[in-house]
Amino acid sequence: MRGHTGEFRPSWRRRRSFAAIAEGVAAIEFAFIVPVLLIMYFITMEASQAIETSKKVSRIGSMVADLVTQQTTVKKADLDAIMKIGTSTLQPYNRSTPTIIITGIQITDEASPKVKVAWSRKLVGTTYSADALKDSITTVPATLNIRNTFLVRVESDLGYKPIITWSADNSKTLGLTSAFNNISMGETYYLRPRRGPSVPCSDC
């Protein structure tokens, strides 16, 4: 029995040694794989949120333009309230605030029509102000440049901040370089008045 016992001891030792080596290899593999899996998870999550936010930025233009063109006349307070409604479509995204510009555009009744600003209103962050000066010349797509017509143009822009580069106090980024800190998203939307030939602003 002693001979048998002495003969099997090295075998058990080898098995225990092999098991320890296997556990060590598994731990090393796990240490390499987990960061890759986490990176893939965050990239997938960030990409899906960025796509959804981009859609919402585009939706701001169509929604704001639709609300303005349903009015027969507007005031600055009306335009400011509509732009505030527009910003709410971005929720729950709240890492940056959009810039929204609403411009009423009058195309003159001339052989070579001029494209003039009738009024303009802008929201940057939480600050409301006038944008382009009244009667200043602007541009529209050639297909919309029709004499004696009125257009409402809404421009929406957002500097998208990925969650993996953003910090609540904006004091530092959380991982990527500055090239990814601010991804530009924007849309320009044109719509004609729904209830009249134009949408005048009485105090713009």
N, C-alpha and C. Protein backbone atom coordinates (compact mmCIF):
# COMPACT_ATOMS: atom_id res chain seq x y z
N MET A 1 0.81 -1.20 0.00
CA MET A 1 0.00 0.00 0.00
C MET A 1 0.85 1.27 0.00
N ARG A 2 1.99 1.17 0.75
CA ARG A 2 2.86 2.34 0.78
C ARG A 2 3.40 2.64 -0.61
N GLY A 3 3.75 1.54 -1.33
CA GLY A 3 4.25 1.75 -2.68
C GLY A 3 3.21 2.43 -3.57
N HIS A 4 1.98 1.95 -3.44
CA HIS A 4 0.92 2.58 -4.22
C HIS A 4 0.71 4.03 -3.82
N THR A 5 0.73 4.27 -2.47
CA THR A 5 0.51 5.64 -1.99
C THR A 5 1.61 6.57 -2.48
N GLY A 6 2.84 6.14 -2.39
CA GLY A 6 3.95 6.95 -2.85
C GLY A 6 3.93 7.15 -4.35
N GLU A 7 3.37 6.18 -5.08
CA GLU A 7 3.33 6.26 -6.53
C GLU A 7 2.30 7.25 -7.02
N PHE A 8 1.18 7.42 -6.28
CA PHE A 8 0.10 8.29 -6.74
C PHE A 8 0.24 9.74 -6.28
N ARG A 9 1.05 9.98 -5.25
CA ARG A 9 1.20 11.34 -4.75
C ARG A 9 1.67 12.33 -5.82
N PRO A 10 2.71 12.00 -6.61
CA PRO A 10 3.13 12.94 -7.65
C PRO A 10 2.03 13.24 -8.65
N SER A 11 1.19 12.23 -8.94
CA SER A 11 0.09 12.45 -9.88
C SER A 11 -0.90 13.47 -9.35
N TRP A 12 -1.24 13.35 -8.08
CA TRP A 12 -2.17 14.32 -7.49
C TRP A 12 -1.56 15.71 -7.44
N ARG A 13 -0.28 15.74 -7.15
CA ARG A 13 0.39 17.04 -7.12
C ARG A 13 0.39 17.69 -8.49
N ARG A 14 0.63 16.87 -9.51
CA ARG A 14 0.63 17.42 -10.87
C ARG A 14 -0.75 17.95 -11.25
N ARG A 15 -1.78 17.19 -10.82
CA ARG A 15 -3.14 17.64 -11.13
C ARG A 15 -3.46 18.96 -10.43
N ARG A 16 -3.05 19.07 -9.17
CA ARG A 16 -3.30 20.31 -8.44
C ARG A 16 -2.53 21.47 -9.05
N SER A 17 -1.29 21.18 -9.47
CA SER A 17 -0.48 22.21 -10.11
C SER A 17 -1.10 22.65 -11.44
N PHE A 18 -1.58 21.67 -12.20
CA PHE A 18 -2.22 22.00 -13.48
C PHE A 18 -3.49 22.82 -13.27
N ALA A 19 -4.28 22.47 -12.25
CA ALA A 19 -5.51 23.22 -11.94
C ALA A 19 -5.18 24.66 -11.56
N ALA A 20 -4.10 24.83 -10.79
CA ALA A 20 -3.70 26.19 -10.38
C ALA A 20 -3.27 27.01 -11.59
N ILE A 21 -2.52 26.36 -12.50
CA ILE A 21 -2.09 27.06 -13.71
C ILE A 21 -3.29 27.45 -14.56
N ALA A 22 -4.27 26.51 -14.70
CA ALA A 22 -5.47 26.78 -15.48
C ALA A 22 -6.26 27.95 -14.90
N GLU A 23 -6.36 27.98 -13.57
CA GLU A 23 -7.06 29.09 -12.93
C GLU A 23 -6.35 30.41 -13.17
N GLY A 24 -5.02 30.37 -13.13
CA GLY A 24 -4.25 31.58 -13.39
C GLY A 24 -4.42 32.07 -14.81
N VAL A 25 -4.43 31.14 -15.78
CA VAL A 25 -4.63 31.52 -17.19
C VAL A 25 -6.03 32.10 -17.37
N ALA A 26 -7.02 31.47 -16.75
CA ALA A 26 -8.40 31.97 -16.85
C ALA A 26 -8.52 33.39 -16.28
N ALA A 27 -7.81 33.63 -15.16
CA ALA A 27 -7.87 34.96 -14.55
C ALA A 27 -7.24 36.01 -15.46
N ILE A 28 -6.14 35.64 -16.10
CA ILE A 28 -5.47 36.57 -17.02
C ILE A 28 -6.35 36.85 -18.23
N GLU A 29 -6.96 35.77 -18.79
CA GLU A 29 -7.86 35.96 -19.93
C GLU A 29 -9.03 36.85 -19.55
N PHE A 30 -9.58 36.63 -18.35
CA PHE A 30 -10.70 37.44 -17.88
C PHE A 30 -10.30 38.91 -17.77
N ALA A 31 -9.08 39.15 -17.26
CA ALA A 31 -8.59 40.51 -17.10
C ALA A 31 -8.45 41.22 -18.45
N PHE A 32 -8.12 40.45 -19.50
CA PHE A 32 -7.99 41.03 -20.84
C PHE A 32 -9.36 41.23 -21.50
N ILE A 33 -10.27 40.29 -21.30
CA ILE A 33 -11.56 40.30 -22.00
C ILE A 33 -12.51 41.33 -21.43
N VAL A 34 -12.54 41.48 -20.09
CA VAL A 34 -13.52 42.37 -19.46
C VAL A 34 -13.42 43.82 -19.97
N PRO A 35 -12.23 44.41 -20.05
CA PRO A 35 -12.17 45.79 -20.59
C PRO A 35 -12.69 45.89 -22.01
N VAL A 36 -12.40 44.87 -22.84
CA VAL A 36 -12.89 44.88 -24.22
C VAL A 36 -14.41 44.82 -24.26
N LEU A 37 -14.98 43.96 -23.41
CA LEU A 37 -16.44 43.84 -23.35
C LEU A 37 -17.08 45.14 -22.86
N LEU A 38 -16.44 45.77 -21.86
CA LEU A 38 -16.98 47.03 -21.35
C LEU A 38 -16.91 48.13 -22.41
N ILE A 39 -15.80 48.19 -23.14
CA ILE A 39 -15.67 49.18 -24.21
C ILE A 39 -16.73 48.97 -25.28
N MET A 40 -16.95 47.71 -25.67
CA MET A 40 -17.96 47.40 -26.68
C MET A 40 -19.35 47.79 -26.19
N TYR A 41 -19.60 47.54 -24.90
CA TYR A 41 -20.91 47.89 -24.33
C TYR A 41 -21.15 49.39 -24.37
N PHE A 42 -20.14 50.17 -23.91
CA PHE A 42 -20.30 51.62 -23.88
C PHE A 42 -20.39 52.21 -25.28
N ILE A 43 -19.62 51.67 -26.23
CA ILE A 43 -19.69 52.17 -27.60
C ILE A 43 -21.07 51.91 -28.19
N THR A 44 -21.60 50.71 -27.97
CA THR A 44 -22.94 50.38 -28.48
C THR A 44 -24.00 51.27 -27.85
N MET A 45 -23.91 51.46 -26.53
CA MET A 45 -24.87 52.31 -25.82
C MET A 45 -24.78 53.75 -26.32
N GLU A 46 -23.54 54.26 -26.46
CA GLU A 46 -23.35 55.64 -26.88
C GLU A 46 -23.82 55.87 -28.30
N ALA A 47 -23.54 54.89 -29.19
CA ALA A 47 -23.95 55.04 -30.59
C ALA A 47 -25.47 55.09 -30.70
N SER A 48 -26.16 54.23 -29.96
CA SER A 48 -27.62 54.22 -30.04
C SER A 48 -28.21 55.51 -29.48
N GLN A 49 -27.62 56.04 -28.39
CA GLN A 49 -28.13 57.29 -27.83
C GLN A 49 -27.83 58.47 -28.74
N ALA A 50 -26.67 58.46 -29.39
CA ALA A 50 -26.31 59.54 -30.31
C ALA A 50 -27.26 59.57 -31.50
N ILE A 51 -27.59 58.39 -32.04
CA ILE A 51 -28.52 58.32 -33.17
C ILE A 51 -29.90 58.84 -32.76
N GLU A 52 -30.35 58.44 -31.59
CA GLU A 52 -31.66 58.88 -31.10
C GLU A 52 -31.68 60.39 -30.86
N THR A 53 -30.60 60.92 -30.29
CA THR A 53 -30.52 62.37 -30.06
C THR A 53 -30.49 63.14 -31.36
N SER A 54 -29.78 62.62 -32.36
CA SER A 54 -29.74 63.26 -33.68
C SER A 54 -31.13 63.34 -34.29
N LYS A 55 -31.91 62.28 -34.13
CA LYS A 55 -33.30 62.29 -34.62
C LYS A 55 -34.12 63.35 -33.90
N LYS A 56 -33.89 63.50 -32.60
CA LYS A 56 -34.64 64.49 -31.83
C LYS A 56 -34.26 65.92 -32.23
N VAL A 57 -32.97 66.13 -32.54
CA VAL A 57 -32.54 67.45 -33.01
C VAL A 57 -33.24 67.80 -34.32
N SER A 58 -33.36 66.81 -35.21
CA SER A 58 -34.08 67.02 -36.47
C SER A 58 -35.55 67.29 -36.21
N ARG A 59 -36.11 66.60 -35.22
CA ARG A 59 -37.53 66.75 -34.91
C ARG A 59 -37.84 68.13 -34.36
N ILE A 60 -36.86 68.76 -33.70
CA ILE A 60 -37.07 70.12 -33.18
C ILE A 60 -37.48 71.05 -34.31
N GLY A 61 -36.75 70.99 -35.43
CA GLY A 61 -37.03 71.88 -36.55
C GLY A 61 -38.43 71.72 -37.09
N SER A 62 -38.84 70.48 -37.33
CA SER A 62 -40.17 70.25 -37.90
C SER A 62 -41.27 70.64 -36.92
N MET A 63 -41.08 70.36 -35.63
CA MET A 63 -42.11 70.66 -34.64
C MET A 63 -42.25 72.16 -34.44
N VAL A 64 -41.12 72.86 -34.27
CA VAL A 64 -41.16 74.31 -34.06
C VAL A 64 -41.75 75.01 -35.27
N ALA A 65 -41.31 74.63 -36.47
CA ALA A 65 -41.84 75.24 -37.69
C ALA A 65 -43.34 74.99 -37.82
N ASP A 66 -43.78 73.80 -37.47
CA ASP A 66 -45.21 73.47 -37.56
C ASP A 66 -46.03 74.33 -36.60
N LEU A 67 -45.53 74.53 -35.38
CA LEU A 67 -46.26 75.35 -34.40
C LEU A 67 -46.32 76.81 -34.84
N VAL A 68 -45.23 77.33 -35.39
CA VAL A 68 -45.21 78.74 -35.81
C VAL A 68 -46.13 78.96 -37.00
N THR A 69 -46.08 78.08 -37.98
CA THR A 69 -46.87 78.29 -39.20
C THR A 69 -48.36 78.06 -39.00
N GLN A 70 -48.75 77.54 -37.86
CA GLN A 70 -50.18 77.42 -37.56
C GLN A 70 -50.76 78.72 -36.99
N GLN A 71 -49.89 79.69 -36.70
CA GLN A 71 -50.35 80.95 -36.14
C GLN A 71 -50.64 81.96 -37.27
N THR A 72 -51.58 82.86 -37.02
CA THR A 72 -51.84 83.95 -37.98
C THR A 72 -50.93 85.14 -37.70
N THR A 73 -50.49 85.28 -36.44
CA THR A 73 -49.53 86.30 -36.05
C THR A 73 -48.83 85.82 -34.78
N VAL A 74 -47.62 86.32 -34.54
CA VAL A 74 -46.88 85.90 -33.35
C VAL A 74 -46.25 87.10 -32.67
N LYS A 75 -45.82 86.89 -31.44
CA LYS A 75 -45.04 87.87 -30.68
C LYS A 75 -43.75 87.19 -30.21
N LYS A 76 -42.84 87.99 -29.69
CA LYS A 76 -41.59 87.42 -29.20
C LYS A 76 -41.84 86.37 -28.13
N ALA A 77 -42.79 86.66 -27.23
CA ALA A 77 -43.08 85.71 -26.16
C ALA A 77 -43.58 84.38 -26.71
N ASP A 78 -44.37 84.45 -27.80
CA ASP A 78 -44.88 83.23 -28.42
C ASP A 78 -43.72 82.40 -29.00
N LEU A 79 -42.83 83.07 -29.69
CA LEU A 79 -41.70 82.37 -30.31
C LEU A 79 -40.78 81.77 -29.24
N ASP A 80 -40.57 82.51 -28.15
CA ASP A 80 -39.73 82.00 -27.07
C ASP A 80 -40.35 80.76 -26.43
N ALA A 81 -41.67 80.80 -26.23
CA ALA A 81 -42.35 79.65 -25.64
C ALA A 81 -42.28 78.43 -26.56
N ILE A 82 -42.42 78.66 -27.87
CA ILE A 82 -42.35 77.56 -28.83
C ILE A 82 -40.95 76.95 -28.85
N MET A 83 -39.92 77.80 -28.79
CA MET A 83 -38.55 77.28 -28.76
C MET A 83 -38.29 76.48 -27.48
N LYS A 84 -38.86 76.93 -26.38
CA LYS A 84 -38.71 76.19 -25.12
C LYS A 84 -39.36 74.82 -25.23
N ILE A 85 -40.52 74.75 -25.88
CA ILE A 85 -41.16 73.46 -26.12
C ILE A 85 -40.24 72.58 -26.98
N GLY A 86 -39.59 73.20 -27.96
CA GLY A 86 -38.68 72.45 -28.83
C GLY A 86 -37.55 71.79 -28.06
N THR A 87 -36.98 72.50 -27.08
CA THR A 87 -35.87 71.93 -26.32
C THR A 87 -36.31 70.73 -25.49
N SER A 88 -37.59 70.68 -25.11
CA SER A 88 -38.08 69.58 -24.28
C SER A 88 -38.07 68.24 -25.02
N THR A 89 -38.02 68.28 -26.36
CA THR A 89 -38.02 67.02 -27.12
C THR A 89 -36.71 66.26 -26.94
N LEU A 90 -35.68 66.93 -26.44
CA LEU A 90 -34.39 66.26 -26.26
C LEU A 90 -34.33 65.37 -25.02
N GLN A 91 -35.27 65.54 -24.11
CA GLN A 91 -35.23 64.75 -22.89
C GLN A 91 -35.31 63.25 -23.20
N PRO A 92 -34.58 62.42 -22.43
CA PRO A 92 -33.83 62.73 -21.20
C PRO A 92 -32.40 63.19 -21.42
N TYR A 93 -31.98 63.38 -22.67
CA TYR A 93 -30.63 63.89 -22.91
C TYR A 93 -30.51 65.30 -22.35
N ASN A 94 -29.50 65.55 -21.52
CA ASN A 94 -29.36 66.87 -20.89
C ASN A 94 -27.91 67.29 -20.70
N ARG A 95 -27.00 66.73 -21.50
CA ARG A 95 -25.58 67.06 -21.32
C ARG A 95 -25.17 68.34 -22.03
N SER A 96 -26.00 68.83 -22.95
CA SER A 96 -25.76 70.12 -23.59
C SER A 96 -27.11 70.66 -24.05
N THR A 97 -27.14 71.93 -24.38
CA THR A 97 -28.40 72.57 -24.78
C THR A 97 -28.33 72.99 -26.24
N PRO A 98 -29.46 72.94 -26.94
CA PRO A 98 -29.44 73.27 -28.37
C PRO A 98 -29.51 74.77 -28.64
N THR A 99 -29.12 75.13 -29.84
CA THR A 99 -29.36 76.47 -30.36
C THR A 99 -30.50 76.37 -31.38
N ILE A 100 -31.52 77.20 -31.21
CA ILE A 100 -32.66 77.21 -32.12
C ILE A 100 -32.83 78.62 -32.67
N ILE A 101 -32.94 78.72 -33.97
CA ILE A 101 -33.17 80.02 -34.62
C ILE A 101 -34.41 79.91 -35.50
N ILE A 102 -35.39 80.77 -35.24
CA ILE A 102 -36.60 80.84 -36.07
C ILE A 102 -36.53 82.13 -36.88
N THR A 103 -36.70 82.02 -38.18
CA THR A 103 -36.63 83.20 -39.06
C THR A 103 -37.84 83.24 -39.97
N GLY A 104 -38.56 84.36 -39.93
CA GLY A 104 -39.63 84.59 -40.90
C GLY A 104 -39.01 85.22 -42.14
N ILE A 105 -39.27 84.66 -43.29
CA ILE A 105 -38.62 85.10 -44.54
C ILE A 105 -39.67 85.53 -45.55
N GLN A 106 -39.54 86.76 -46.02
CA GLN A 106 -40.44 87.28 -47.05
C GLN A 106 -39.67 87.38 -48.37
N ILE A 107 -40.22 86.74 -49.40
CA ILE A 107 -39.64 86.82 -50.74
C ILE A 107 -40.43 87.86 -51.51
N THR A 108 -39.74 88.87 -52.00
CA THR A 108 -40.41 90.02 -52.60
C THR A 108 -41.07 89.68 -53.94
N ASP A 109 -42.04 90.53 -54.29
CA ASP A 109 -42.79 90.34 -55.55
C ASP A 109 -42.11 91.14 -56.65
N GLU A 110 -40.99 90.65 -57.13
CA GLU A 110 -40.21 91.32 -58.17
C GLU A 110 -39.78 90.30 -59.21
N ALA A 111 -39.39 90.79 -60.36
CA ALA A 111 -38.91 89.89 -61.41
C ALA A 111 -37.71 89.10 -60.93
N SER A 112 -36.82 89.76 -60.20
CA SER A 112 -35.70 89.08 -59.55
C SER A 112 -35.93 89.21 -58.04
N PRO A 113 -36.71 88.31 -57.47
CA PRO A 113 -37.14 88.47 -56.07
C PRO A 113 -35.97 88.47 -55.09
N LYS A 114 -36.10 89.32 -54.08
CA LYS A 114 -35.13 89.36 -52.99
C LYS A 114 -35.66 88.52 -51.83
N VAL A 115 -34.75 87.88 -51.15
CA VAL A 115 -35.11 87.05 -49.99
C VAL A 115 -34.72 87.82 -48.74
N LYS A 116 -35.76 88.36 -48.03
CA LYS A 116 -35.50 89.24 -46.90
C LYS A 116 -35.99 88.63 -45.59
N VAL A 117 -35.30 89.01 -44.53
CA VAL A 117 -35.71 88.59 -43.18
C VAL A 117 -36.85 89.49 -42.73
N ALA A 118 -37.99 88.89 -42.42
CA ALA A 118 -39.11 89.65 -41.87
C ALA A 118 -38.96 89.82 -40.36
N TRP A 119 -38.51 88.79 -39.70
CA TRP A 119 -38.22 88.80 -38.27
C TRP A 119 -37.39 87.56 -37.94
N SER A 120 -36.73 87.57 -36.81
CA SER A 120 -35.91 86.43 -36.42
C SER A 120 -35.76 86.38 -34.91
N ARG A 121 -35.74 85.18 -34.38
CA ARG A 121 -35.63 84.98 -32.93
C ARG A 121 -34.72 83.78 -32.67
N LYS A 122 -33.92 83.88 -31.59
CA LYS A 122 -32.91 82.86 -31.34
C LYS A 122 -32.91 82.44 -29.87
N LEU A 123 -32.65 81.15 -29.64
CA LEU A 123 -32.45 80.62 -28.30
C LEU A 123 -31.09 79.94 -28.26
N VAL A 124 -30.22 80.41 -27.37
CA VAL A 124 -28.92 79.78 -27.16
C VAL A 124 -28.83 79.39 -25.69
N GLY A 125 -28.86 78.11 -25.41
CA GLY A 125 -28.90 77.67 -24.01
C GLY A 125 -30.21 78.05 -23.38
N THR A 126 -30.17 79.03 -22.49
CA THR A 126 -31.40 79.54 -21.87
C THR A 126 -31.60 81.03 -22.17
N THR A 127 -30.85 81.55 -23.13
CA THR A 127 -30.91 82.99 -23.45
C THR A 127 -31.65 83.22 -24.76
N TYR A 128 -32.69 84.05 -24.70
CA TYR A 128 -33.48 84.40 -25.88
C TYR A 128 -33.04 85.76 -26.40
N SER A 129 -32.96 85.90 -27.71
CA SER A 129 -32.56 87.19 -28.28
C SER A 129 -32.97 87.25 -29.75
N ALA A 130 -32.83 88.44 -30.34
CA ALA A 130 -33.05 88.58 -31.78
C ALA A 130 -31.86 87.98 -32.52
N ASP A 131 -32.08 87.58 -33.77
CA ASP A 131 -30.98 87.04 -34.56
C ASP A 131 -30.69 87.99 -35.72
N ALA A 132 -31.07 87.63 -36.91
CA ALA A 132 -30.79 88.47 -38.08
C ALA A 132 -31.66 89.74 -38.05
N LEU A 133 -31.12 90.82 -38.59
CA LEU A 133 -31.83 92.09 -38.62
C LEU A 133 -32.98 92.04 -39.63
N LYS A 134 -34.05 92.77 -39.31
CA LYS A 134 -35.18 92.87 -40.23
C LYS A 134 -34.74 93.51 -41.55
N ASP A 135 -35.23 92.98 -42.65
CA ASP A 135 -34.95 93.43 -44.02
C ASP A 135 -33.54 93.08 -44.51
N SER A 136 -32.77 92.37 -43.67
CA SER A 136 -31.47 91.91 -44.16
C SER A 136 -31.68 90.78 -45.16
N ILE A 137 -30.73 90.62 -46.06
CA ILE A 137 -30.85 89.62 -47.11
C ILE A 137 -30.37 88.26 -46.59
N THR A 138 -31.14 87.24 -46.89
CA THR A 138 -30.77 85.88 -46.52
C THR A 138 -30.90 84.98 -47.74
N THR A 139 -30.79 83.71 -47.58
CA THR A 139 -30.87 82.77 -48.70
C THR A 139 -31.83 81.63 -48.37
N VAL A 140 -32.41 81.06 -49.41
CA VAL A 140 -33.24 79.87 -49.29
C VAL A 140 -32.88 78.94 -50.45
N PRO A 141 -33.22 77.66 -50.37
CA PRO A 141 -32.98 76.77 -51.51
C PRO A 141 -33.67 77.28 -52.77
N ALA A 142 -33.07 77.05 -53.91
CA ALA A 142 -33.60 77.57 -55.17
C ALA A 142 -35.03 77.13 -55.42
N THR A 143 -35.38 75.93 -55.02
CA THR A 143 -36.75 75.42 -55.25
C THR A 143 -37.79 76.17 -54.43
N LEU A 144 -37.35 76.86 -53.37
CA LEU A 144 -38.28 77.61 -52.51
C LEU A 144 -38.28 79.11 -52.80
N ASN A 145 -37.43 79.52 -53.70
CA ASN A 145 -37.31 80.95 -54.01
C ASN A 145 -38.40 81.35 -55.02
N ILE A 146 -39.61 81.50 -54.50
CA ILE A 146 -40.79 81.83 -55.31
C ILE A 146 -41.27 83.23 -54.92
N ARG A 147 -41.41 84.10 -55.88
CA ARG A 147 -41.76 85.50 -55.62
C ARG A 147 -43.08 85.63 -54.87
N ASN A 148 -43.11 86.63 -53.99
CA ASN A 148 -44.28 86.98 -53.20
C ASN A 148 -44.78 85.80 -52.34
N THR A 149 -43.86 85.12 -51.71
CA THR A 149 -44.22 84.04 -50.78
C THR A 149 -43.50 84.26 -49.45
N PHE A 150 -43.96 83.53 -48.44
CA PHE A 150 -43.42 83.66 -47.09
C PHE A 150 -43.00 82.28 -46.61
N LEU A 151 -41.87 82.23 -45.91
CA LEU A 151 -41.36 80.97 -45.37
C LEU A 151 -40.99 81.15 -43.90
N VAL A 152 -41.10 80.10 -43.16
CA VAL A 152 -40.56 80.06 -41.80
C VAL A 152 -39.43 79.04 -41.80
N ARG A 153 -38.27 79.52 -41.42
CA ARG A 153 -37.09 78.64 -41.36
C ARG A 153 -36.71 78.41 -39.90
N VAL A 154 -36.48 77.14 -39.56
CA VAL A 154 -36.03 76.79 -38.21
C VAL A 154 -34.71 76.05 -38.32
N GLU A 155 -33.71 76.57 -37.65
CA GLU A 155 -32.40 75.93 -37.60
C GLU A 155 -32.17 75.41 -36.18
N SER A 156 -31.88 74.15 -36.06
CA SER A 156 -31.60 73.55 -34.75
C SER A 156 -30.22 72.93 -34.77
N ASP A 157 -29.41 73.27 -33.77
CA ASP A 157 -28.04 72.76 -33.67
C ASP A 157 -27.75 72.33 -32.24
N LEU A 158 -26.98 71.27 -32.13
CA LEU A 158 -26.62 70.76 -30.81
C LEU A 158 -25.19 70.23 -30.84
N GLY A 159 -24.40 70.61 -29.86
CA GLY A 159 -23.08 70.02 -29.68
C GLY A 159 -23.22 68.81 -28.77
N TYR A 160 -23.33 67.64 -29.36
CA TYR A 160 -23.59 66.42 -28.58
C TYR A 160 -22.36 66.02 -27.78
N LYS A 161 -22.55 65.76 -26.49
CA LYS A 161 -21.45 65.36 -25.62
C LYS A 161 -21.64 63.89 -25.22
N PRO A 162 -20.77 63.00 -25.70
CA PRO A 162 -20.87 61.58 -25.32
C PRO A 162 -20.69 61.41 -23.82
N ILE A 163 -21.39 60.44 -23.26
CA ILE A 163 -21.34 60.22 -21.81
C ILE A 163 -19.94 59.85 -21.35
N ILE A 164 -19.14 59.19 -22.22
CA ILE A 164 -17.81 58.76 -21.82
C ILE A 164 -16.78 59.89 -21.89
N THR A 165 -17.19 61.06 -22.34
CA THR A 165 -16.27 62.21 -22.33
C THR A 165 -16.82 63.37 -21.52
N TRP A 166 -17.94 63.16 -20.85
CA TRP A 166 -18.65 64.27 -20.20
C TRP A 166 -18.53 64.15 -18.69
N SER A 167 -18.45 65.29 -18.01
CA SER A 167 -18.53 65.33 -16.56
C SER A 167 -19.54 66.40 -16.17
N ALA A 168 -20.21 66.19 -15.05
CA ALA A 168 -21.31 67.07 -14.66
C ALA A 168 -20.87 68.51 -14.47
N ASP A 169 -19.65 68.71 -13.96
CA ASP A 169 -19.19 70.09 -13.72
C ASP A 169 -18.39 70.65 -14.88
N ASN A 170 -18.28 69.86 -15.98
CA ASN A 170 -17.55 70.29 -17.17
C ASN A 170 -16.09 70.63 -16.90
N SER A 171 -15.55 70.16 -15.79
CA SER A 171 -14.18 70.49 -15.44
C SER A 171 -13.17 69.59 -16.14
N LYS A 172 -13.59 68.40 -16.51
CA LYS A 172 -12.68 67.48 -17.17
C LYS A 172 -13.48 66.44 -17.93
N THR A 173 -12.82 65.78 -18.87
CA THR A 173 -13.47 64.71 -19.61
C THR A 173 -13.17 63.39 -18.94
N LEU A 174 -13.92 62.37 -19.32
CA LEU A 174 -13.82 61.09 -18.63
C LEU A 174 -13.10 60.01 -19.40
N GLY A 175 -12.44 60.34 -20.52
CA GLY A 175 -11.73 59.26 -21.15
C GLY A 175 -11.26 59.50 -22.56
N LEU A 176 -12.06 60.08 -23.43
CA LEU A 176 -11.65 60.24 -24.81
C LEU A 176 -11.01 61.61 -25.03
N THR A 177 -10.42 61.80 -26.19
CA THR A 177 -9.77 63.06 -26.50
C THR A 177 -10.79 64.14 -26.82
N SER A 178 -10.33 65.37 -26.91
CA SER A 178 -11.22 66.50 -27.15
C SER A 178 -11.94 66.41 -28.49
N ALA A 179 -11.43 65.59 -29.42
CA ALA A 179 -12.07 65.44 -30.73
C ALA A 179 -13.47 64.86 -30.60
N PHE A 180 -13.74 64.15 -29.51
CA PHE A 180 -15.05 63.52 -29.32
C PHE A 180 -15.90 64.25 -28.29
N ASN A 181 -15.41 65.39 -27.79
CA ASN A 181 -16.13 66.08 -26.73
C ASN A 181 -17.41 66.76 -27.21
N ASN A 182 -17.44 67.12 -28.49
CA ASN A 182 -18.55 67.92 -28.99
C ASN A 182 -18.85 67.51 -30.43
N ILE A 183 -19.82 66.63 -30.60
CA ILE A 183 -20.19 66.13 -31.93
C ILE A 183 -21.34 67.00 -32.45
N SER A 184 -21.11 67.66 -33.58
CA SER A 184 -22.10 68.61 -34.10
C SER A 184 -23.28 67.89 -34.75
N MET A 185 -24.49 68.26 -34.32
CA MET A 185 -25.72 67.76 -34.90
C MET A 185 -26.59 68.95 -35.27
N GLY A 186 -27.21 68.93 -36.43
CA GLY A 186 -28.03 70.07 -36.82
C GLY A 186 -28.99 69.75 -37.94
N GLU A 187 -29.99 70.61 -38.07
CA GLU A 187 -31.01 70.45 -39.11
C GLU A 187 -31.61 71.81 -39.43
N THR A 188 -31.92 72.05 -40.71
CA THR A 188 -32.62 73.26 -41.13
C THR A 188 -33.92 72.86 -41.81
N TYR A 189 -35.01 73.46 -41.36
CA TYR A 189 -36.34 73.06 -41.81
C TYR A 189 -37.11 74.28 -42.29
N TYR A 190 -37.75 74.18 -43.45
CA TYR A 190 -38.57 75.27 -44.02
C TYR A 190 -40.03 74.82 -44.09
N LEU A 191 -40.92 75.76 -43.78
CA LEU A 191 -42.35 75.47 -43.88
C LEU A 191 -43.09 76.75 -44.24
N ARG A 192 -44.18 76.62 -45.01
CA ARG A 192 -45.00 77.77 -45.39
C ARG A 192 -46.15 77.95 -44.40
N PRO A 193 -46.65 79.18 -44.27
CA PRO A 193 -47.78 79.44 -43.37
C PRO A 193 -48.98 78.55 -43.71
N ARG A 194 -49.72 78.16 -42.68
CA ARG A 194 -50.88 77.29 -42.88
C ARG A 194 -52.19 78.08 -42.97
N ARG A 195 -52.25 79.25 -42.31
CA ARG A 195 -53.53 79.94 -42.17
C ARG A 195 -53.54 81.34 -42.79
N GLY A 196 -52.60 81.63 -43.61
CA GLY A 196 -52.56 82.94 -44.24
C GLY A 196 -51.33 83.05 -45.12
N PRO A 197 -51.20 84.17 -45.81
CA PRO A 197 -50.06 84.34 -46.72
C PRO A 197 -48.74 84.54 -45.97
N SER A 198 -48.79 84.97 -44.70
CA SER A 198 -47.56 85.20 -43.93
C SER A 198 -47.86 85.02 -42.45
N VAL A 199 -46.79 85.04 -41.65
CA VAL A 199 -46.91 85.00 -40.19
C VAL A 199 -46.14 86.20 -39.65
N PRO A 200 -46.78 87.36 -39.52
CA PRO A 200 -46.08 88.55 -39.01
C PRO A 200 -45.81 88.45 -37.52
N CYS A 201 -44.75 89.11 -37.08
CA CYS A 201 -44.44 89.22 -35.66
C CYS A 201 -44.60 90.68 -35.26
N SER A 202 -45.48 90.93 -34.33
CA SER A 202 -45.87 92.31 -34.02
C SER A 202 -44.82 93.07 -33.23
N ASP A 203 -43.95 92.39 -32.49
CA ASP A 203 -42.98 93.13 -31.66
C ASP A 203 -41.55 92.62 -31.84
N CYS A 204 -41.29 91.91 -32.90
CA CYS A 204 -39.92 91.40 -33.12
C CYS A 204 -39.00 92.52 -33.61
